[in-house]
Amino acid sequence: MPAYFETGFSVAELPWHGLGELIPEDKKLSIQEGLVAAGLDWDVQLRPLCIAEQVASPQAVGLGMGADQIDPLPEDPLAGMEVPANATVRSTDNKVLGVVGMRYHPLQNVDAFQWFQPFLDADVAHLHTAGSLHGGSRVWVLSKLNNDPMEITPGDEVNKFMLLSNSHDGTTSIRVGFTPIRVVCANTLAMAHSNTASALLRVKHSKNVRHNLELVRETMDAANSRFEATAEQFRLLARTNVNSADLDRYIKIVLDCEEKPSTRTKNIIEEIVGRFEQPVGSLAGGTLWTAYNSVTEYLSYSRGRNTESRIASLWYGDSQKVNQRALKSAVELAA
C-alpha cells in the first residue's frame, strides 16, 4: 500500500484522488458506518514524554549494534524527568502520531464525523469520502451536498462538497469549508468569493475545539448562501476569452515564476498549456475558465510525487495556496 495513504472509502465512484474502498451508491453511511469504512474508528490519546534512562551512542546506532553488544552509557541524571510535551498516540496500536504542546487538545475522529450529523439529519448532504494519510497523522471527511450541480457552461457542471481535514500530529489546525469539484474530470476547485466565510476556516486544537466547531457551522451556513456568487464568477471566466499571450502571462502569475523560468517550470507551463489546448469535457476552448481548470487539473493529477502527496498538498499544503491564487488571478484578469 502506498506510504501516504493508509485507509479510506468513497461512495458511488472513486473521487479525483482515486483512493479508498468503493461503497455502493445506494448505501448512505451513518456516522458509525463511515468511521469503520474509513478505518478511523480509533481514538487519540495524550501521553506525557519523559527523558529516557539510557541512550545508545550515535556510533553504536550507526553500526546497528544491539544493546548486548555495547557497553551501556552512564545513566542520564535527567532520566525519568517529564518533558513539557505530549505524544499523540493511536489507541488501537499505540502508534505515536506526533509530539504536541501541553495546550493541545485532540479532535477525535468520531467528533470530526459527528460535526456532519445535522447536515445528514436534514438530508442536505451525505458522507462521500473519508480516510487517513501519513499513517493516521492526518485525516479527512468529505461530504457531498444533495443539491443539483451548478452548471457553468452547457454540459459543464460543478458539485459542492464540505471538507473537514484534521491533523493528529499538531502540524495543522482543523480546517472546514466548501470544496467545489468539477464533475466531468473531478478536479478540485477553489472557492471564489473573497469573504472569509467562503474559505477553509481554521480551528485550533484548544480545550474549546468542539464548541468552536459548532460556531463554524453557523458560518458555513452563511458561506453556503454565497456559493451562487462563486458559480457566477466561474461563469464570468467562461465568458472571457484569452489569447496565447494572456495564457502565458496568467500561468506565470499563478506559478509565481521568474523572468527566465527553470527547465522544470518550463515543463509545467507546457503541461498546463497542453491541457488548455485539449480541454476535458465540455469546456469552452480559449477562455479563462479553461485556463483556470488547466491549472487545477495539473494540481489534482500531476503535481507531486504521487496521488497521496497531491491530496495532502491540495488540502493541507502548497497546492491549496496555488489553487486559490489561480482563481484569484483569473477573476482579476476577467474583471
Foldseek 3Di string as FASTA:
>chain_A
DDQWFDAKEFECDQFLLRDHHYHYNVDFDDLVRRCVRQVQPWWKDWAWDWAAQFDDDPVCVVVVHDPVVDDTDHTDPRGGPTDQWTFIATPPPRDTLAIGGPQFADDRSSLVSCLCVVCVVVVQWTWGMKYATNVRQKIKTKIWGPDDFQDLDVFKTKTKIWMWMPGNHQPFFIWIAIWIFTPQNGFTAAQQDPDPLHHTDGAGRGPCRSVVSVVNVVSRVVNVVCVVVSSVLLNLQLVAFDDPVRLVVLLCQLVVADPDHDPVVVVVSVQLVVCLVVPTTPRDHGTLSSSLVSLRCCLSPPPDDGSSVSVCCCVPHDVVVSSNSSSNSSSVVSD
